[in-house]
Every structure is written in C-alpha cells, then in structure tokens.
C-alpha cells in the first residue's frame, strides 16, 4: 500500500493522520509517538498499535517496539474516549462529483479537534457518503451554524481553496446583537470595520491591536462589511430561554472581506455590539472543558455563499435553511 493510499484509509469515518519522523531517530515507534504527543497516554497508543491503527509510511502495520531509523513518517487514527454526543445532525443541501455543501448546526466542529472526533461534521459526512478524500475548503467556528463547502476529490481541492485565497467568494452571515444605540460608539450603518487582528494571550481568542501597537507599517489584516437590517423585540415570547438579553436587539448582516479566525465576533465586539450568546467576547464565560448550553447558542449563522465554479464554470449560490432563534438550535 502506498503512502497516498494509506492517507485515504478510513476507520469509523476518520482518515489517517500523518506525522513526520525526524531523520536518524533511534526511538521506537511507541516511544516516538509518546514523546511527540505527550497529552496522549502510553496505554492509548498501545491500544492503537494492537488494533492496527498505527501504520508506517507505505501503509503497513507497525509494532510498538519497532525502530524508526528507516521511516520518514507514520500514519495513525485519532480517537477520543468518552466523546460527548451532539443531539443534532447537519443537513446536506447539495452534492455532485466535485462538491458537497452541508448546513451544520451550532456546536458542531467542522473537523476533528479537542474532545470531538466522531461528532465532527467532516467525519460524519465521510461515514455517511463514503468519501475518503472529502475535505472542507473553508472553515467556520464550532459555535457558528450554517454553510460549509467540501471538496470531494483531492485533485480539485486547490482550485476551490484558491477562490478563498483570491477573495473570489461572496459570503453572507446573519447575527443578532444589541441594537445600535446600545453601543458607546456613534455608529451609522452600513459600515465597514477594518483592524489588525492577532492571537490573544488566551490562545483560543483573537484581539485587535491598538494603533500604538502596530509596527513595521503593518496596518489592517481584517475587514467586514456590516449592516443593521431589522429590529427585534428582546421580550418577545419566542425568546423565553434568554434571561439576560438586552432590552433592544437587532439583526445584522455581515459580509467578511477577509477570513481571520473569529473575525465577525471580534469586529462586532469592537463596535460595542458583541453577538448574543458569545462565550469568548467580550469576556470568557466558559472553560474549554465546560458543557455546552444548547439552549443558548451563539447568534451567528453562515447564511449564503456564492462563487464561480472553477471546474464546471457554473455560478454557484447556496443558502442555509436554518434561522437564528434564541431557543434550542
């Protein structure tokens, strides 16, 4: 079995992960993996070896005591014990030979990470559709609901991802936050917000640099067009589960020009209008290992996505069937 074929293997919908082996290493396979991934217990690796879930560069099963002097990399299959179960599923709204478009619920990660593997959108779609090369061509936050586009074949992936690199994709989000007058800023909509975003000291958050923090002539790296399109009644009977809602709420349309992590959430917070249900901005409200409150999702939805298909020449436009509600998603 070749290395490329090994990377296409699926175990319960999970593709093999790949880790490079340093040249001239004297470690055994088990010792190397334990040193490379110290958060994974030795017993877990032994179990994976025993189940044939660790392979060498050409896709052959490898023993834990085998030396890696002649190996360039290893393949392994990730799993999480006691993985939480999400009580909802994504919907597939489009599929052809090149693309799959899914409409995901809040709280579902796009790819495996942290405490989620089997519950991730990618793994569930690979299981359901038996598409081992399926790969997302963009990402949205786990807390955000809405559209995610996947490439079916590895050979097509770069052509679609290039659309995002070249900013040739039109994306529209909907969000709910306090009404504009709640902001300490004098805001006039529509507006375009630009800033320079960097990773916060809390690695899972992002922040905007102040003007005096920007060096070397580097100015903005994030840009979002935002409009306030509707006023909502924060005391309406359709919103009974939110006890701390602002008295006046509004619906916003957001169009990201760039694609920084947490960009829409950071930009709304910078305007003094943090999105309702945001657990990270303006302050962290939950620990990383805390249980999700499915009754109070982040009020952000990836609503539409449109682009010119580089392979078929067709103008593509997809729209989420989900709506933002301040109750169970």
Protein backbone atom coordinates (compact mmCIF):
# COMPACT_ATOMS: atom_id res chain seq x y z
CA UNK A 1 0.00 0.00 0.00
CA UNK A 2 1.43 3.40 -0.96
CA UNK A 3 1.62 6.40 1.36
CA UNK A 4 -1.11 8.16 -0.62
CA UNK A 5 -3.39 5.15 -0.29
CA UNK A 6 -2.68 4.95 3.44
CA UNK A 7 -3.85 8.53 3.85
CA UNK A 8 -7.17 7.59 2.20
CA UNK A 9 -7.97 4.85 4.70
CA UNK A 10 -10.99 5.38 6.91
CA UNK A 11 -11.62 3.92 10.37
CA UNK A 12 -15.12 4.81 11.55
CA UNK A 13 -15.06 7.75 9.16
CA UNK A 14 -11.72 9.07 10.45
CA UNK A 15 -8.90 9.47 7.94
CA UNK A 16 -5.36 8.59 8.89
CA UNK A 17 -3.32 11.44 10.35
CA UNK A 18 0.31 11.81 9.32
CA UNK A 19 3.32 12.68 11.49
CA UNK A 20 6.85 13.12 10.21
CA UNK A 21 9.73 11.17 11.78
CA UNK A 22 13.00 13.10 12.26
CA UNK A 23 16.00 11.74 10.36
CA UNK A 24 18.28 9.30 12.20
CA UNK A 25 15.93 8.88 15.15
CA UNK A 26 16.81 5.96 17.42
CA UNK A 27 13.38 5.84 19.10
CA UNK A 28 10.90 3.01 18.81
CA UNK A 29 7.51 3.76 17.26
CA UNK A 30 5.83 3.79 20.68
CA UNK A 31 8.45 6.00 22.34
CA UNK A 32 8.41 8.42 19.42
CA UNK A 33 4.62 8.85 19.49
CA UNK A 34 4.57 9.24 23.27
CA UNK A 35 7.25 11.93 23.05
CA UNK A 36 5.60 13.66 20.07
CA UNK A 37 2.12 13.67 21.65
CA UNK A 38 2.64 13.83 25.44
CA UNK A 39 -1.05 14.54 26.09
CA UNK A 40 -1.95 11.04 24.80
CA UNK A 41 -1.35 8.34 27.39
CA UNK A 42 1.00 5.45 26.60
CA UNK A 43 -1.84 2.95 27.10
CA UNK A 44 -3.85 4.70 24.40
CA UNK A 45 -1.01 4.30 21.89
CA UNK A 46 -0.58 0.65 22.83
CA UNK A 47 -4.28 0.08 22.18
CA UNK A 48 -3.97 1.74 18.76
CA UNK A 49 -0.98 -0.43 17.88
CA UNK A 50 -2.89 -3.52 18.99
CA UNK A 51 -5.87 -2.58 16.78
CA UNK A 52 -3.65 -1.90 13.76
CA UNK A 53 -4.27 1.84 13.88
CA UNK A 54 -0.61 2.84 13.53
CA UNK A 55 0.94 2.39 10.07
CA UNK A 56 4.29 3.15 8.52
CA UNK A 57 4.94 5.40 5.52
CA UNK A 58 3.73 2.81 2.99
CA UNK A 59 0.62 1.92 4.95
CA UNK A 60 1.85 -1.24 6.64
CA UNK A 61 1.05 -2.11 10.22
CA UNK A 62 3.93 -1.33 12.58
CA UNK A 63 4.74 -2.76 16.01
CA UNK A 64 5.27 -0.52 19.07
CA UNK A 65 8.85 -1.73 19.64
CA UNK A 66 9.96 -1.27 16.05
CA UNK A 67 12.79 1.24 15.50
CA UNK A 68 12.07 4.15 13.16
CA UNK A 69 15.55 4.70 11.69
CA UNK A 70 14.34 3.92 8.15
CA UNK A 71 10.89 5.53 8.44
CA UNK A 72 10.04 9.00 7.07
CA UNK A 73 6.62 9.29 8.71
CA UNK A 74 3.82 7.37 10.40
CA UNK A 75 0.07 7.24 9.94
CA UNK A 76 -2.29 6.90 12.89
CA UNK A 77 -6.02 7.10 13.55
CA UNK A 78 -7.20 9.56 16.17
CA UNK A 79 -9.99 8.79 18.63
CA UNK A 80 -11.36 10.30 21.83
CA UNK A 81 -12.64 8.23 24.71
CA UNK A 82 -15.94 9.36 26.25
CA UNK A 83 -16.59 11.74 23.36
CA UNK A 84 -19.69 13.89 24.02
CA UNK A 85 -22.66 13.21 21.78
CA UNK A 86 -24.27 16.13 19.97
CA UNK A 87 -28.09 15.85 19.84
CA UNK A 88 -28.45 17.08 16.27
CA UNK A 89 -27.17 16.45 12.75
CA UNK A 90 -26.12 18.52 9.77
CA UNK A 91 -28.13 18.57 6.55
CA UNK A 92 -26.66 18.00 3.09
CA UNK A 93 -28.15 20.61 0.77
CA UNK A 94 -26.04 19.90 -2.34
CA UNK A 95 -23.82 17.15 -3.72
CA UNK A 96 -22.21 16.44 -7.09
CA UNK A 97 -18.95 14.90 -8.32
CA UNK A 98 -16.91 17.87 -7.07
CA UNK A 99 -18.69 19.46 -4.11
CA UNK A 100 -20.68 18.68 -1.00
CA UNK A 101 -22.43 21.55 0.80
CA UNK A 102 -23.59 20.92 4.36
CA UNK A 103 -25.77 23.06 6.61
CA UNK A 104 -24.39 22.47 10.08
CA UNK A 105 -25.95 23.21 13.49
CA UNK A 106 -24.39 25.27 16.25
CA UNK A 107 -21.82 23.49 18.48
CA UNK A 108 -20.64 21.03 15.81
CA UNK A 109 -16.95 21.33 14.80
CA UNK A 110 -16.15 21.17 11.09
CA UNK A 111 -13.07 18.96 11.60
CA UNK A 112 -11.89 16.70 14.45
CA UNK A 113 -10.36 18.61 17.32
CA UNK A 114 -10.29 18.69 21.09
CA UNK A 115 -12.96 16.43 22.54
CA UNK A 116 -14.74 15.88 19.21
CA UNK A 117 -13.82 13.36 16.51
CA UNK A 118 -16.79 11.17 15.57
CA UNK A 119 -19.16 14.09 16.20
CA UNK A 120 -17.32 16.41 13.82
CA UNK A 121 -19.02 17.34 10.57
CA UNK A 122 -16.21 16.01 8.38
CA UNK A 123 -16.13 12.56 9.99
CA UNK A 124 -19.92 12.23 9.90
CA UNK A 125 -20.02 13.12 6.21
CA UNK A 126 -17.21 10.69 5.37
CA UNK A 127 -19.14 7.93 7.13
CA UNK A 128 -22.45 8.84 5.53
CA UNK A 129 -21.16 9.40 1.98
CA UNK A 130 -18.13 7.06 1.93
CA UNK A 131 -15.91 9.79 0.51
CA UNK A 132 -12.40 9.29 1.98
CA UNK A 133 -10.91 12.33 0.19
CA UNK A 134 -13.64 14.73 1.35
CA UNK A 135 -12.11 17.94 2.71
CA UNK A 136 -13.50 21.35 3.75
CA UNK A 137 -12.36 24.19 1.51
CA UNK A 138 -13.07 26.74 4.27
CA UNK A 139 -13.97 26.69 7.97
CA UNK A 140 -16.49 28.23 10.32
CA UNK A 141 -16.36 28.21 14.11
CA UNK A 142 -17.79 25.29 16.04
CA UNK A 143 -20.20 27.73 17.71
CA UNK A 144 -21.43 29.11 14.37
CA UNK A 145 -24.23 27.46 12.39
CA UNK A 146 -24.65 27.38 8.64
CA UNK A 147 -22.97 26.51 5.37
CA UNK A 148 -19.72 24.61 4.91
CA UNK A 149 -18.44 23.65 1.44
CA UNK A 150 -16.37 20.50 0.91
CA UNK A 151 -14.23 19.30 -1.99
CA UNK A 152 -14.96 15.68 -2.92
CA UNK A 153 -11.68 14.86 -4.68
CA UNK A 154 -8.16 15.72 -3.54
CA UNK A 155 -7.18 16.82 -7.05
CA UNK A 156 -9.89 19.51 -7.06
CA UNK A 157 -9.17 20.93 -3.62
CA UNK A 158 -6.61 23.59 -4.53
CA UNK A 159 -8.78 25.05 -7.30
CA UNK A 160 -11.59 25.68 -4.83
CA UNK A 161 -9.37 26.86 -2.00
CA UNK A 162 -7.79 29.36 -4.40
CA UNK A 163 -11.17 31.11 -4.61
CA UNK A 164 -10.90 31.95 -0.92
CA UNK A 165 -7.24 32.97 -1.14
CA UNK A 166 -8.10 35.32 -4.01
CA UNK A 167 -11.25 36.62 -2.26
CA UNK A 168 -13.50 35.47 -5.09
CA UNK A 169 -16.17 34.05 -2.78
CA UNK A 170 -19.18 36.08 -1.64
CA UNK A 171 -20.18 35.07 1.90
CA UNK A 172 -23.06 36.47 3.94
CA UNK A 173 -23.68 35.91 7.64
CA UNK A 174 -26.55 36.87 9.92
CA UNK A 175 -26.05 37.82 13.54
CA UNK A 176 -28.11 39.04 16.49
CA UNK A 177 -26.75 41.57 18.96
CA UNK A 178 -27.87 44.60 20.91
CA UNK A 179 -29.43 47.43 18.92
CA UNK A 180 -27.01 50.07 17.57
CA UNK A 181 -27.90 52.66 20.21
CA UNK A 182 -26.57 50.27 22.88
CA UNK A 183 -23.05 50.86 21.59
CA UNK A 184 -20.95 53.64 23.15
CA UNK A 185 -19.87 54.49 19.60
CA UNK A 186 -21.90 56.65 17.26
CA UNK A 187 -22.50 54.05 14.60
CA UNK A 188 -24.07 54.65 11.20
CA UNK A 189 -24.97 51.55 9.20
CA UNK A 190 -23.99 50.16 6.82
CA UNK A 191 -20.33 50.42 7.74
CA UNK A 192 -17.03 48.70 7.05
CA UNK A 193 -14.86 47.76 10.00
CA UNK A 194 -11.13 47.22 9.50
CA UNK A 195 -8.48 46.28 12.04
CA UNK A 196 -5.30 44.32 12.61
CA UNK A 197 -6.08 41.10 14.46
CA UNK A 198 -3.62 38.90 16.33
CA UNK A 199 -3.84 35.89 18.62
CA UNK A 200 -4.65 36.85 22.20
CA UNK A 201 -2.65 35.70 25.23
CA UNK A 202 -5.52 33.24 25.65
CA UNK A 203 -4.70 31.18 22.54
CA UNK A 204 -8.34 30.41 21.75
CA UNK A 205 -9.20 34.11 21.42
CA UNK A 206 -8.25 36.84 18.98
CA UNK A 207 -7.88 40.56 19.64
CA UNK A 208 -7.46 43.81 17.73
CA UNK A 209 -4.25 45.80 18.03
CA UNK A 210 -4.43 49.39 19.19
CA UNK A 211 -2.86 51.99 16.92
CA UNK A 212 0.22 52.30 19.13
CA UNK A 213 0.77 48.51 18.96
CA UNK A 214 1.03 48.36 15.18
CA UNK A 215 4.63 48.22 13.98
CA UNK A 216 6.60 47.92 10.75
CA UNK A 217 3.92 49.67 8.73
CA UNK A 218 1.55 46.70 9.06
CA UNK A 219 -1.93 48.13 9.28
CA UNK A 220 -5.09 46.08 8.75
CA UNK A 221 -5.49 42.38 8.05
CA UNK A 222 -9.25 42.05 8.68
CA UNK A 223 -12.24 43.72 7.05
CA UNK A 224 -16.01 43.21 7.39
CA UNK A 225 -18.99 44.99 5.86
CA UNK A 226 -21.85 45.20 8.38
CA UNK A 227 -25.44 46.44 8.20
CA UNK A 228 -28.28 46.57 10.71
CA UNK A 229 -31.32 45.23 8.87
CA UNK A 230 -34.02 44.54 11.45
CA UNK A 231 -35.09 45.47 14.98
CA UNK A 232 -36.15 42.65 17.32
CA UNK A 233 -38.20 42.62 20.50
CA UNK A 234 -35.96 41.24 23.24
CA UNK A 235 -39.00 40.42 25.37
CA UNK A 236 -40.89 38.53 22.68
CA UNK A 237 -42.36 35.16 23.65
CA UNK A 238 -40.21 33.47 21.01
CA UNK A 239 -37.16 34.15 23.19
CA UNK A 240 -38.07 32.66 26.57
CA UNK A 241 -34.76 30.95 27.33
CA UNK A 242 -32.61 34.06 27.26
CA UNK A 243 -32.78 35.73 30.64
CA UNK A 244 -30.04 38.32 30.19
CA UNK A 245 -30.92 39.68 26.75
CA UNK A 246 -30.56 43.41 26.14
CA UNK A 247 -33.94 45.16 26.11
CA UNK A 248 -33.46 46.05 22.45
CA UNK A 249 -31.97 43.62 19.93
CA UNK A 250 -31.24 43.86 16.23
CA UNK A 251 -30.42 41.59 13.34
CA UNK A 252 -27.25 42.29 11.39
CA UNK A 253 -25.93 41.19 8.00
CA UNK A 254 -22.17 40.67 7.93
CA UNK A 255 -20.00 40.17 4.85
CA UNK A 256 -16.39 39.26 5.65
CA UNK A 257 -13.89 40.51 3.10
CA UNK A 258 -11.02 38.72 4.83
CA UNK A 259 -11.06 35.46 6.79
CA UNK A 260 -9.33 35.88 10.14
CA UNK A 261 -10.26 33.46 12.93
CA UNK A 262 -13.24 34.75 14.97
CA UNK A 263 -13.27 37.84 12.74
CA UNK A 264 -17.00 38.56 12.86
CA UNK A 265 -17.19 38.03 16.59
CA UNK A 266 -14.20 40.28 17.24
CA UNK A 267 -15.46 43.02 14.93
CA UNK A 268 -18.94 43.10 16.44
CA UNK A 269 -17.41 43.24 19.90
CA UNK A 270 -15.15 46.11 18.80
CA UNK A 271 -18.27 48.02 17.79
CA UNK A 272 -19.67 47.60 21.29
CA UNK A 273 -22.20 45.07 19.98
CA UNK A 274 -20.97 41.58 20.93
CA UNK A 275 -23.04 38.82 19.38
CA UNK A 276 -25.65 37.32 21.65
CA UNK A 277 -24.55 34.02 23.14
CA UNK A 278 -20.82 34.66 22.55
CA UNK A 279 -18.86 32.81 25.25
CA UNK A 280 -15.47 34.39 24.36
CA UNK A 281 -16.16 38.07 23.63
CA UNK A 282 -16.00 40.47 25.33
CA UNK A 283 -15.03 38.14 28.21
CA UNK A 284 -14.59 34.38 28.52
CA UNK A 285 -17.72 32.93 30.13
CA UNK A 286 -16.97 29.21 29.98
CA UNK A 287 -13.96 26.95 30.38
CA UNK A 288 -12.75 24.88 27.45
CA UNK A 289 -13.98 21.65 29.05
CA UNK A 290 -17.35 23.01 30.20
CA UNK A 291 -20.55 21.51 28.87
CA UNK A 292 -22.25 23.44 26.09
CA UNK A 293 -25.56 25.13 26.80
CA UNK A 294 -27.58 24.03 23.78
CA UNK A 295 -30.37 26.40 24.83
CA UNK A 296 -28.22 29.50 24.25
CA UNK A 297 -26.21 29.18 21.01
CA UNK A 298 -24.06 31.91 19.53
CA UNK A 299 -26.36 34.03 17.40
CA UNK A 300 -24.31 33.78 14.21
CA UNK A 301 -25.30 31.98 11.00
CA UNK A 302 -23.33 31.43 7.78
CA UNK A 303 -26.34 32.20 5.60
CA UNK A 304 -25.21 32.30 1.95
CA UNK A 305 -22.14 31.52 -0.13
CA UNK A 306 -21.63 32.18 -3.84
CA UNK A 307 -18.78 31.73 -6.31
CA UNK A 308 -17.91 30.91 -9.90
CA UNK A 309 -17.07 27.21 -10.02
CA UNK A 310 -13.54 26.91 -11.45
CA UNK A 311 -14.12 23.32 -12.62
CA UNK A 312 -17.61 23.42 -14.12
CA UNK A 313 -17.93 27.11 -14.98
CA UNK A 314 -21.30 27.20 -13.19
CA UNK A 315 -22.30 30.13 -10.96
CA UNK A 316 -22.84 28.54 -7.55
CA UNK A 317 -25.04 30.02 -4.83
CA UNK A 318 -26.17 28.19 -1.71
CA UNK A 319 -28.37 29.35 1.16
CA UNK A 320 -28.75 27.91 4.64
CA UNK A 321 -32.15 26.58 5.60
CA UNK A 322 -31.52 27.43 9.22
CA UNK A 323 -32.71 30.55 11.03
CA UNK A 324 -31.40 32.26 14.13
CA UNK A 325 -33.62 31.58 17.10
CA UNK A 326 -32.97 32.39 20.72
CA UNK A 327 -34.12 28.94 21.81
CA UNK A 328 -32.84 25.44 21.12
CA UNK A 329 -30.99 25.32 17.74
